[in-house]
Amino acid sequence: MHPPLSPQPAHKAQFAAICARTPHNALIAAECAHLTGGVPDADGFALCQSVEHIPQAAYLRTGLHILAQGATPEELLQAVSQANFAADEFRVEFLSLALEKRISPQQTILALANAIPSYPNLKQPKHRFLLVERDNGLWFGEVVAECGHTYQSHDAKPHRTSTSLPSRISRALVNLVVPGAGSVLDPCCGTGSILLEAQALGVTVFGADQNPVIVGMARENLAHFGYFGLVEPADIRDYHRPADALVTDLPYGRLLAAEETAVRTIIEHGRRLAPVAVYVAEHDLTDWLAAAGYG
């Protein structure tokens, strides 16, 4: 249960991120935390410090500047009437995150529009406001950021394999270290899914793979989008190019029992190459990461 809200305008800059609504998804929560400083609840709603990086997100949909909130439509209207914000040529939209809808969206939007001392423009608004219905009340804010879905263009990459990561997941993984990292290393890069997403965000990329044919595919995928990255045929255990962060999908994920020594060696060597790392595997690597020196 969420605690009920009392009517109040948002006097301080307060933001909220609305994420894909997938409860208990650790990747979505981690992406949101790194990009905004907030952690989404089960509704996919996160109060946060900033929404400026939402356009690069994979699973964050909308960033709001919260202007008012209330437990009921009447309380929200009171808070909106007390708030001071620019609203010329506006439109009010509605999103329900509540288990049960308790308000009439049309009536509440109309009441809000009447409470705003400006003229609406439904077709080409200068200001888009969002009314969010939640189980603990109503939130009203201006849409100031939206996901650009730029990762989707990489679905058209010329080369992929059956084990290539989807573009959306690759973007979310990169978003765990960017912003922050100026260079990203994927030492098990395959056809370059992670490299593509990092380059799209303006990050220097380094990649390696044991298979020279796959290395050629990764290079061609990068070139297809006008990107550049240094991709070399190499085994991570013999690779010595450092980076700010390491992000990789371990190729041994399905064979951890048989490949424990190899995977632990990769992790230990990766620790020397980058101070921060994101490893994708089918099993929990917490103990191995701790043994390698990750905090």
C-alpha atoms as a PDB file:
ATOM      1  CA  MET A   1       0.000   0.000   0.000  1.00  0.00           C
ATOM      2  CA  HIS A   2       1.142   3.538  -0.755  1.00  0.00           C
ATOM      3  CA  PRO A   3       0.593   6.227   1.896  1.00  0.00           C
ATOM      4  CA  PRO A   4      -2.145   8.704   0.913  1.00  0.00           C
ATOM      5  CA  LEU A   5      -1.147  12.080  -0.407  1.00  0.00           C
ATOM      6  CA  SER A   6      -2.078  15.482   0.935  1.00  0.00           C
ATOM      7  CA  PRO A   7      -2.745  18.283  -1.544  1.00  0.00           C
ATOM      8  CA  GLN A   8       0.367  20.271  -2.304  1.00  0.00           C
ATOM      9  CA  PRO A   9       1.969  22.162  -5.149  1.00  0.00           C
ATOM     10  CA  ALA A  10       5.557  21.188  -5.880  1.00  0.00           C
ATOM     11  CA  HIS A  11       7.521  24.271  -4.795  1.00  0.00           C
ATOM     12  CA  LYS A  12      10.895  22.617  -5.280  1.00  0.00           C
ATOM     13  CA  ALA A  13      12.025  21.055  -8.555  1.00  0.00           C
ATOM     14  CA  GLN A  14      10.779  17.507  -8.224  1.00  0.00           C
ATOM     15  CA  PHE A  15      10.910  14.951 -10.975  1.00  0.00           C
ATOM     16  CA  ALA A  16       9.449  11.545 -11.701  1.00  0.00           C
ATOM     17  CA  ALA A  17      10.399   8.870 -14.190  1.00  0.00           C
ATOM     18  CA  ILE A  18       7.815   6.474 -15.574  1.00  0.00           C
ATOM     19  CA  CYS A  19       9.320   3.141 -16.550  1.00  0.00           C
ATOM     20  CA  ALA A  20       8.141   0.061 -18.361  1.00  0.00           C
ATOM     21  CA  ARG A  21       5.796  -1.620 -15.901  1.00  0.00           C
ATOM     22  CA  THR A  22       7.566  -4.893 -15.192  1.00  0.00           C
ATOM     23  CA  PRO A  23       7.688  -5.506 -11.419  1.00  0.00           C
ATOM     24  CA  HIS A  24      10.786  -7.146  -9.950  1.00  0.00           C
ATOM     25  CA  ASN A  25      12.856  -6.458 -13.091  1.00  0.00           C
ATOM     26  CA  ALA A  26      16.296  -5.670 -11.737  1.00  0.00           C
ATOM     27  CA  LEU A  27      17.649  -4.388 -15.058  1.00  0.00           C
ATOM     28  CA  ILE A  28      14.895  -1.769 -15.393  1.00  0.00           C
ATOM     29  CA  ALA A  29      15.385  -0.662 -11.793  1.00  0.00           C
ATOM     30  CA  ALA A  30      19.149  -0.428 -12.237  1.00  0.00           C
ATOM     31  CA  GLU A  31      18.838   1.543 -15.475  1.00  0.00           C
ATOM     32  CA  CYS A  32      16.439   3.966 -13.824  1.00  0.00           C
ATOM     33  CA  ALA A  33      18.684   4.384 -10.793  1.00  0.00           C
ATOM     34  CA  HIS A  34      21.751   5.183 -12.893  1.00  0.00           C
ATOM     35  CA  LEU A  35      20.021   7.536 -15.333  1.00  0.00           C
ATOM     36  CA  THR A  36      17.785   9.401 -12.878  1.00  0.00           C
ATOM     37  CA  GLY A  37      18.879   8.660  -9.312  1.00  0.00           C
ATOM     38  CA  GLY A  38      15.471   7.122  -8.521  1.00  0.00           C
ATOM     39  CA  VAL A  39      14.264   3.550  -8.140  1.00  0.00           C
ATOM     40  CA  PRO A  40      10.882   2.600  -9.624  1.00  0.00           C
ATOM     41  CA  ASP A  41       8.204   1.004  -7.480  1.00  0.00           C
ATOM     42  CA  ALA A  42       5.971  -1.841  -8.633  1.00  0.00           C
ATOM     43  CA  ASP A  43       3.997   0.654 -10.743  1.00  0.00           C
ATOM     44  CA  GLY A  44       7.109   1.704 -12.648  1.00  0.00           C
ATOM     45  CA  PHE A  45       6.978   5.170 -11.005  1.00  0.00           C
ATOM     46  CA  ALA A  46      10.151   6.691  -9.557  1.00  0.00           C
ATOM     47  CA  LEU A  47      10.647  10.015  -7.837  1.00  0.00           C
ATOM     48  CA  CYS A  48      14.077  11.097  -8.943  1.00  0.00           C
ATOM     49  CA  GLN A  49      16.756  13.782  -9.090  1.00  0.00           C
ATOM     50  CA  SER A  50      16.885  14.353 -12.844  1.00  0.00           C
ATOM     51  CA  VAL A  51      15.240  13.172 -16.062  1.00  0.00           C
ATOM     52  CA  GLU A  52      17.698  14.655 -18.566  1.00  0.00           C
ATOM     53  CA  HIS A  53      19.064  11.236 -19.607  1.00  0.00           C
ATOM     54  CA  ILE A  54      15.693   9.588 -20.271  1.00  0.00           C
ATOM     55  CA  PRO A  55      15.995  10.151 -24.079  1.00  0.00           C
ATOM     56  CA  GLN A  56      18.805   7.558 -24.162  1.00  0.00           C
ATOM     57  CA  ALA A  57      16.893   5.023 -22.068  1.00  0.00           C
ATOM     58  CA  ALA A  58      15.736   1.562 -23.015  1.00  0.00           C
ATOM     59  CA  TYR A  59      12.997   0.999 -20.439  1.00  0.00           C
ATOM     60  CA  LEU A  60      12.262   4.506 -19.107  1.00  0.00           C
ATOM     61  CA  ARG A  61       9.378   6.033 -21.006  1.00  0.00           C
ATOM     62  CA  THR A  62       8.652   9.517 -19.664  1.00  0.00           C
ATOM     63  CA  GLY A  63      10.178  12.156 -17.430  1.00  0.00           C
ATOM     64  CA  LEU A  64       7.906  14.531 -15.523  1.00  0.00           C
ATOM     65  CA  HIS A  65       8.454  17.777 -13.692  1.00  0.00           C
ATOM     66  CA  ILE A  66       5.980  17.260 -10.852  1.00  0.00           C
ATOM     67  CA  LEU A  67       3.816  20.334 -10.313  1.00  0.00           C
ATOM     68  CA  ALA A  68       1.094  19.151  -7.929  1.00  0.00           C
ATOM     69  CA  GLN A  69      -0.327  16.102  -6.193  1.00  0.00           C
ATOM     70  CA  GLY A  70      -3.390  15.158  -4.181  1.00  0.00           C
ATOM     71  CA  ALA A  71      -5.314  12.199  -2.815  1.00  0.00           C
ATOM     72  CA  THR A  72      -8.509  13.117  -4.674  1.00  0.00           C
ATOM     73  CA  PRO A  73      -9.406  15.130  -7.790  1.00  0.00           C
ATOM     74  CA  GLU A  74     -10.614  17.953  -5.550  1.00  0.00           C
ATOM     75  CA  GLU A  75      -7.337  18.077  -3.652  1.00  0.00           C
ATOM     76  CA  LEU A  76      -5.341  17.934  -6.868  1.00  0.00           C
ATOM     77  CA  LEU A  77      -7.351  20.808  -8.355  1.00  0.00           C
ATOM     78  CA  GLN A  78      -6.671  22.851  -5.235  1.00  0.00           C
ATOM     79  CA  ALA A  79      -2.939  22.163  -5.520  1.00  0.00           C
ATOM     80  CA  VAL A  80      -2.879  22.996  -9.242  1.00  0.00           C
ATOM     81  CA  SER A  81      -4.681  26.296  -8.623  1.00  0.00           C
ATOM     82  CA  GLN A  82      -1.988  27.227  -6.075  1.00  0.00           C
ATOM     83  CA  ALA A  83       0.954  26.253  -8.287  1.00  0.00           C
ATOM     84  CA  ASN A  84       2.781  28.705 -10.515  1.00  0.00           C
ATOM     85  CA  PHE A  85       3.872  27.349 -13.890  1.00  0.00           C
ATOM     86  CA  ALA A  86       3.896  28.285 -17.583  1.00  0.00           C
ATOM     87  CA  ALA A  87       0.977  26.720 -19.436  1.00  0.00           C
ATOM     88  CA  ASP A  88       0.239  28.657 -22.618  1.00  0.00           C
ATOM     89  CA  GLU A  89      -1.107  26.403 -25.397  1.00  0.00           C
ATOM     90  CA  PHE A  90      -1.270  23.257 -23.273  1.00  0.00           C
ATOM     91  CA  ARG A  91      -2.693  19.756 -23.445  1.00  0.00           C
ATOM     92  CA  VAL A  92      -3.475  17.430 -20.540  1.00  0.00           C
ATOM     93  CA  GLU A  93      -3.006  13.676 -21.001  1.00  0.00           C
ATOM     94  CA  PHE A  94      -3.876  10.782 -18.685  1.00  0.00           C
ATOM     95  CA  LEU A  95      -2.054   7.693 -17.473  1.00  0.00           C
ATOM     96  CA  SER A  96      -3.393   5.210 -14.940  1.00  0.00           C
ATOM     97  CA  LEU A  97      -0.960   3.147 -12.879  1.00  0.00           C
ATOM     98  CA  ALA A  98      -3.632   2.188 -10.340  1.00  0.00           C
ATOM     99  CA  LEU A  99      -4.913  -1.342  -9.897  1.00  0.00           C
ATOM    100  CA  GLU A 100      -8.459   0.026 -10.029  1.00  0.00           C
ATOM    101  CA  LYS A 101      -9.477   3.227 -11.778  1.00  0.00           C
ATOM    102  CA  ARG A 102     -11.257   5.496  -9.308  1.00  0.00           C
ATOM    103  CA  ILE A 103     -11.692   8.669 -11.304  1.00  0.00           C
ATOM    104  CA  SER A 104     -13.232   9.739 -14.585  1.00  0.00           C
ATOM    105  CA  PRO A 105     -10.250  10.713 -16.764  1.00  0.00           C
ATOM    106  CA  GLN A 106     -12.326  12.924 -19.053  1.00  0.00           C
ATOM    107  CA  GLN A 107     -14.010  14.833 -16.244  1.00  0.00           C
ATOM    108  CA  THR A 108     -10.794  15.270 -14.278  1.00  0.00           C
ATOM    109  CA  ILE A 109      -8.860  16.480 -17.325  1.00  0.00           C
ATOM    110  CA  LEU A 110     -11.620  18.965 -18.122  1.00  0.00           C
ATOM    111  CA  ALA A 111     -11.584  20.247 -14.538  1.00  0.00           C
ATOM    112  CA  LEU A 112      -7.804  20.618 -14.645  1.00  0.00           C
ATOM    113  CA  ALA A 113      -7.989  22.475 -17.961  1.00  0.00           C
ATOM    114  CA  ASN A 114     -10.523  24.878 -16.462  1.00  0.00           C
ATOM    115  CA  ALA A 115      -8.247  25.441 -13.470  1.00  0.00           C
ATOM    116  CA  ILE A 116      -5.282  26.413 -15.649  1.00  0.00           C
ATOM    117  CA  PRO A 117      -5.430  30.134 -16.572  1.00  0.00           C
ATOM    118  CA  SER A 118      -4.263  29.616 -20.163  1.00  0.00           C
ATOM    119  CA  TYR A 119      -5.698  28.492 -23.479  1.00  0.00           C
ATOM    120  CA  PRO A 120      -5.281  24.857 -24.547  1.00  0.00           C
ATOM    121  CA  ASN A 121      -3.893  23.650 -27.861  1.00  0.00           C
ATOM    122  CA  LEU A 122      -4.746  19.990 -28.311  1.00  0.00           C
ATOM    123  CA  LYS A 123      -3.052  19.501 -31.681  1.00  0.00           C
ATOM    124  CA  GLN A 124       0.266  21.317 -31.257  1.00  0.00           C
ATOM    125  CA  PRO A 125       0.745  22.086 -27.567  1.00  0.00           C
ATOM    126  CA  LYS A 126       3.705  24.021 -26.273  1.00  0.00           C
ATOM    127  CA  HIS A 127       3.246  22.355 -22.888  1.00  0.00           C
ATOM    128  CA  ARG A 128       2.176  18.735 -22.377  1.00  0.00           C
ATOM    129  CA  PHE A 129       0.883  17.879 -18.927  1.00  0.00           C
ATOM    130  CA  LEU A 130       0.303  14.384 -17.644  1.00  0.00           C
ATOM    131  CA  LEU A 131      -2.252  13.377 -15.021  1.00  0.00           C
ATOM    132  CA  VAL A 132      -1.072  10.166 -13.371  1.00  0.00           C
ATOM    133  CA  GLU A 133      -3.501   8.086 -11.346  1.00  0.00           C
ATOM    134  CA  ARG A 134      -1.843   5.877  -8.745  1.00  0.00           C
ATOM    135  CA  ASP A 135      -3.152   3.814  -5.865  1.00  0.00           C
ATOM    136  CA  ASN A 136      -2.000   6.490  -3.394  1.00  0.00           C
ATOM    137  CA  GLY A 137      -3.476   9.442  -5.261  1.00  0.00           C
ATOM    138  CA  LEU A 138      -3.048  11.707  -8.251  1.00  0.00           C
ATOM    139  CA  TRP A 139       0.068  13.343  -9.633  1.00  0.00           C
ATOM    140  CA  PHE A 140       0.197  16.199 -12.128  1.00  0.00           C
ATOM    141  CA  GLY A 141       3.312  17.223 -14.008  1.00  0.00           C
ATOM    142  CA  GLU A 142       4.747  18.508 -17.245  1.00  0.00           C
ATOM    143  CA  VAL A 143       6.327  16.078 -19.681  1.00  0.00           C
ATOM    144  CA  VAL A 144       9.929  17.274 -20.020  1.00  0.00           C
ATOM    145  CA  ALA A 145      11.639  14.133 -21.355  1.00  0.00           C
ATOM    146  CA  GLU A 146      10.705  11.058 -23.348  1.00  0.00           C
ATOM    147  CA  CYS A 147      12.533   7.945 -24.476  1.00  0.00           C
ATOM    148  CA  GLY A 148      13.917   8.408 -27.979  1.00  0.00           C
ATOM    149  CA  HIS A 149      13.916   4.649 -28.778  1.00  0.00           C
ATOM    150  CA  THR A 150      17.125   5.246 -30.723  1.00  0.00           C
ATOM    151  CA  TYR A 151      18.282   1.702 -30.027  1.00  0.00           C
ATOM    152  CA  GLN A 152      15.572   0.420 -32.373  1.00  0.00           C
ATOM    153  CA  SER A 153      17.530   1.487 -35.452  1.00  0.00           C
ATOM    154  CA  HIS A 154      20.177  -1.105 -34.577  1.00  0.00           C
ATOM    155  CA  ASP A 155      17.679  -3.903 -35.149  1.00  0.00           C
ATOM    156  CA  ALA A 156      18.558  -3.385 -38.824  1.00  0.00           C
ATOM    157  CA  LYS A 157      22.219  -4.303 -38.339  1.00  0.00           C
ATOM    158  CA  PRO A 158      23.439  -6.505 -41.217  1.00  0.00           C
ATOM    159  CA  HIS A 159      24.937  -9.250 -39.036  1.00  0.00           C
ATOM    160  CA  ARG A 160      23.651 -11.137 -36.014  1.00  0.00           C
ATOM    161  CA  THR A 161      23.857 -14.626 -34.531  1.00  0.00           C
ATOM    162  CA  SER A 162      21.440 -16.714 -32.504  1.00  0.00           C
ATOM    163  CA  THR A 163      23.134 -15.523 -29.307  1.00  0.00           C
ATOM    164  CA  SER A 164      23.231 -11.795 -30.145  1.00  0.00           C
ATOM    165  CA  LEU A 165      21.683  -9.635 -27.446  1.00  0.00           C
ATOM    166  CA  PRO A 166      18.577  -7.637 -28.439  1.00  0.00           C
ATOM    167  CA  SER A 167      19.250  -3.952 -29.016  1.00  0.00           C
ATOM    168  CA  ARG A 168      16.976  -2.860 -26.178  1.00  0.00           C
ATOM    169  CA  ILE A 169      18.703  -5.028 -23.589  1.00  0.00           C
ATOM    170  CA  SER A 170      22.118  -3.971 -24.878  1.00  0.00           C
ATOM    171  CA  ARG A 171      21.159  -0.302 -24.494  1.00  0.00           C
ATOM    172  CA  ALA A 172      19.955  -0.879 -20.932  1.00  0.00           C
ATOM    173  CA  LEU A 173      23.230  -2.605 -20.052  1.00  0.00           C
ATOM    174  CA  VAL A 174      25.271   0.283 -21.440  1.00  0.00           C
ATOM    175  CA  ASN A 175      23.056   2.705 -19.519  1.00  0.00           C
ATOM    176  CA  LEU A 176      24.312   1.142 -16.294  1.00  0.00           C
ATOM    177  CA  VAL A 177      27.686   2.825 -16.876  1.00  0.00           C
ATOM    178  CA  VAL A 178      26.865   5.747 -19.231  1.00  0.00           C
ATOM    179  CA  PRO A 179      26.867   8.601 -18.369  1.00  0.00           C
ATOM    180  CA  GLY A 180      30.013   8.245 -16.351  1.00  0.00           C
ATOM    181  CA  ALA A 181      32.212   6.082 -18.530  1.00  0.00           C
ATOM    182  CA  GLY A 182      33.942   7.720 -21.469  1.00  0.00           C
ATOM    183  CA  SER A 183      35.056   4.396 -22.911  1.00  0.00           C
ATOM    184  CA  VAL A 184      33.483   0.940 -22.870  1.00  0.00           C
ATOM    185  CA  LEU A 185      35.132  -2.409 -23.484  1.00  0.00           C
ATOM    186  CA  ASP A 186      33.281  -5.547 -24.562  1.00  0.00           C
ATOM    187  CA  PRO A 187      35.897  -8.326 -24.565  1.00  0.00           C
ATOM    188  CA  CYS A 188      33.382 -10.956 -25.714  1.00  0.00           C
ATOM    189  CA  CYS A 189      31.710  -8.667 -28.223  1.00  0.00           C
ATOM    190  CA  GLY A 190      30.234 -11.110 -30.726  1.00  0.00           C
ATOM    191  CA  THR A 191      28.637  -9.137 -33.562  1.00  0.00           C
ATOM    192  CA  GLY A 192      28.833  -5.927 -31.525  1.00  0.00           C
ATOM    193  CA  SER A 193      25.382  -5.351 -29.997  1.00  0.00           C
ATOM    194  CA  ILE A 194      26.817  -3.649 -26.913  1.00  0.00           C
ATOM    195  CA  LEU A 195      29.377  -1.696 -28.948  1.00  0.00           C
ATOM    196  CA  LEU A 196      26.613  -0.273 -31.148  1.00  0.00           C
ATOM    197  CA  GLU A 197      24.676   1.066 -28.171  1.00  0.00           C
ATOM    198  CA  ALA A 198      27.743   2.577 -26.534  1.00  0.00           C
ATOM    199  CA  GLN A 199      28.810   4.277 -29.777  1.00  0.00           C
ATOM    200  CA  ALA A 200      25.292   5.636 -30.275  1.00  0.00           C
ATOM    201  CA  LEU A 201      25.760   7.465 -26.965  1.00  0.00           C
ATOM    202  CA  GLY A 202      29.070   8.942 -28.079  1.00  0.00           C
ATOM    203  CA  VAL A 203      31.270   6.622 -26.042  1.00  0.00           C
ATOM    204  CA  THR A 204      34.628   5.299 -27.284  1.00  0.00           C
ATOM    205  CA  VAL A 205      34.359   1.526 -27.744  1.00  0.00           C
ATOM    206  CA  PHE A 206      36.807  -1.352 -27.748  1.00  0.00           C
ATOM    207  CA  GLY A 207      35.811  -4.890 -28.619  1.00  0.00           C
ATOM    208  CA  ALA A 208      37.385  -8.304 -28.860  1.00  0.00           C
ATOM    209  CA  ASP A 209      36.290 -11.793 -29.818  1.00  0.00           C
ATOM    210  CA  GLN A 210      38.118 -15.048 -30.310  1.00  0.00           C
ATOM    211  CA  ASN A 211      36.473 -15.664 -33.687  1.00  0.00           C
ATOM    212  CA  PRO A 212      37.978 -13.541 -36.515  1.00  0.00           C
ATOM    213  CA  VAL A 213      34.827 -14.006 -38.624  1.00  0.00           C
ATOM    214  CA  ILE A 214      32.663 -12.622 -35.827  1.00  0.00           C
ATOM    215  CA  VAL A 215      35.098  -9.726 -35.396  1.00  0.00           C
ATOM    216  CA  GLY A 216      34.569  -8.886 -39.063  1.00  0.00           C
ATOM    217  CA  MET A 217      30.796  -8.913 -38.534  1.00  0.00           C
ATOM    218  CA  ALA A 218      31.109  -6.553 -35.570  1.00  0.00           C
ATOM    219  CA  ARG A 219      33.236  -4.159 -37.589  1.00  0.00           C
ATOM    220  CA  GLU A 220      30.733  -4.183 -40.456  1.00  0.00           C
ATOM    221  CA  ASN A 221      27.831  -3.607 -38.071  1.00  0.00           C
ATOM    222  CA  LEU A 222      29.568  -0.544 -36.641  1.00  0.00           C
ATOM    223  CA  ALA A 223      30.431   0.777 -40.095  1.00  0.00           C
ATOM    224  CA  HIS A 224      26.846   0.240 -41.276  1.00  0.00           C
ATOM    225  CA  PHE A 225      25.686   2.955 -38.850  1.00  0.00           C
ATOM    226  CA  GLY A 226      28.662   5.234 -39.386  1.00  0.00           C
ATOM    227  CA  TYR A 227      30.205   4.266 -36.053  1.00  0.00           C
ATOM    228  CA  PHE A 228      33.821   3.522 -35.259  1.00  0.00           C
ATOM    229  CA  GLY A 229      35.330   1.189 -32.722  1.00  0.00           C
ATOM    230  CA  LEU A 230      38.555  -0.729 -32.330  1.00  0.00           C
ATOM    231  CA  VAL A 231      37.505  -4.381 -32.603  1.00  0.00           C
ATOM    232  CA  GLU A 232      40.237  -7.011 -32.528  1.00  0.00           C
ATOM    233  CA  PRO A 233      40.471 -10.812 -32.670  1.00  0.00           C
ATOM    234  CA  ALA A 234      41.641 -11.724 -29.182  1.00  0.00           C
ATOM    235  CA  ASP A 235      40.903 -13.802 -26.093  1.00  0.00           C
ATOM    236  CA  ILE A 236      40.010 -11.635 -23.097  1.00  0.00           C
ATOM    237  CA  ARG A 237      42.606 -13.505 -21.073  1.00  0.00           C
ATOM    238  CA  ASP A 238      45.258 -12.147 -23.442  1.00  0.00           C
ATOM    239  CA  TYR A 239      43.673  -8.709 -23.944  1.00  0.00           C
ATOM    240  CA  HIS A 240      45.345  -5.671 -22.415  1.00  0.00           C
ATOM    241  CA  ARG A 241      43.457  -2.575 -23.613  1.00  0.00           C
ATOM    242  CA  PRO A 242      41.952  -0.717 -20.590  1.00  0.00           C
ATOM    243  CA  ALA A 243      38.656   1.186 -20.513  1.00  0.00           C
ATOM    244  CA  ASP A 244      36.519   3.126 -18.064  1.00  0.00           C
ATOM    245  CA  ALA A 245      33.938   0.328 -17.955  1.00  0.00           C
ATOM    246  CA  LEU A 246      33.542  -3.238 -19.144  1.00  0.00           C
ATOM    247  CA  VAL A 247      30.151  -4.455 -20.382  1.00  0.00           C
ATOM    248  CA  THR A 248      29.861  -7.962 -21.784  1.00  0.00           C
ATOM    249  CA  ASP A 249      27.624 -10.966 -22.301  1.00  0.00           C
ATOM    250  CA  LEU A 250      29.700 -13.901 -21.169  1.00  0.00           C
ATOM    251  CA  PRO A 251      29.807 -16.534 -23.925  1.00  0.00           C
ATOM    252  CA  TYR A 252      29.982 -19.306 -21.370  1.00  0.00           C
ATOM    253  CA  GLY A 253      26.638 -18.571 -19.700  1.00  0.00           C
ATOM    254  CA  ARG A 254      25.078 -21.944 -20.476  1.00  0.00           C
ATOM    255  CA  LEU A 255      28.143 -23.932 -19.459  1.00  0.00           C
ATOM    256  CA  LEU A 256      29.179 -22.358 -16.187  1.00  0.00           C
ATOM    257  CA  ALA A 257      29.580 -25.680 -14.415  1.00  0.00           C
ATOM    258  CA  ALA A 258      32.066 -26.886 -17.037  1.00  0.00           C
ATOM    259  CA  GLU A 259      33.691 -23.492 -17.592  1.00  0.00           C
ATOM    260  CA  GLU A 260      34.065 -22.189 -14.044  1.00  0.00           C
ATOM    261  CA  THR A 261      37.832 -21.798 -14.310  1.00  0.00           C
ATOM    262  CA  ALA A 262      37.596 -19.986 -17.651  1.00  0.00           C
ATOM    263  CA  VAL A 263      34.863 -17.613 -16.457  1.00  0.00           C
ATOM    264  CA  ARG A 264      36.637 -16.799 -13.218  1.00  0.00           C
ATOM    265  CA  THR A 265      39.801 -16.067 -15.195  1.00  0.00           C
ATOM    266  CA  ILE A 266      37.845 -13.744 -17.492  1.00  0.00           C
ATOM    267  CA  ILE A 267      36.362 -11.881 -14.525  1.00  0.00           C
ATOM    268  CA  GLU A 268      39.702 -11.562 -12.762  1.00  0.00           C
ATOM    269  CA  HIS A 269      41.405 -10.263 -15.900  1.00  0.00           C
ATOM    270  CA  GLY A 270      38.462  -7.960 -16.627  1.00  0.00           C
ATOM    271  CA  ARG A 271      38.917  -6.404 -13.190  1.00  0.00           C
ATOM    272  CA  ARG A 272      42.397  -5.315 -14.235  1.00  0.00           C
ATOM    273  CA  LEU A 273      41.091  -3.811 -17.489  1.00  0.00           C
ATOM    274  CA  ALA A 274      38.251  -1.701 -16.085  1.00  0.00           C
ATOM    275  CA  PRO A 275      37.277  -0.518 -12.596  1.00  0.00           C
ATOM    276  CA  VAL A 276      33.553  -0.944 -13.315  1.00  0.00           C
ATOM    277  CA  ALA A 277      31.950  -3.915 -15.041  1.00  0.00           C
ATOM    278  CA  VAL A 278      28.603  -5.336 -16.083  1.00  0.00           C
ATOM    279  CA  TYR A 279      28.585  -9.073 -16.763  1.00  0.00           C
ATOM    280  CA  VAL A 280      25.613 -10.921 -18.249  1.00  0.00           C
ATOM    281  CA  ALA A 281      25.335 -14.573 -17.245  1.00  0.00           C
ATOM    282  CA  GLU A 282      22.674 -17.161 -16.516  1.00  0.00           C
ATOM    283  CA  HIS A 283      23.977 -17.821 -13.008  1.00  0.00           C
ATOM    284  CA  ASP A 284      24.740 -15.655  -9.991  1.00  0.00           C
ATOM    285  CA  LEU A 285      28.350 -14.487 -10.176  1.00  0.00           C
ATOM    286  CA  THR A 286      28.341 -12.497  -6.929  1.00  0.00           C
ATOM    287  CA  ASP A 287      30.946 -14.617  -5.136  1.00  0.00           C
ATOM    288  CA  TRP A 288      33.271 -14.701  -8.135  1.00  0.00           C
ATOM    289  CA  LEU A 289      32.976 -10.949  -8.629  1.00  0.00           C
ATOM    290  CA  ALA A 290      33.763 -10.334  -4.961  1.00  0.00           C
ATOM    291  CA  ALA A 291      36.765 -12.663  -5.166  1.00  0.00           C
ATOM    292  CA  ALA A 292      38.032 -10.703  -8.180  1.00  0.00           C
ATOM    293  CA  GLY A 293      37.907  -7.472  -6.186  1.00  0.00           C
ATOM    294  CA  TYR A 294      34.639  -5.888  -7.273  1.00  0.00           C
ATOM    295  CA  GLY A 295      32.909  -4.041  -4.428  1.00  0.00           C
END
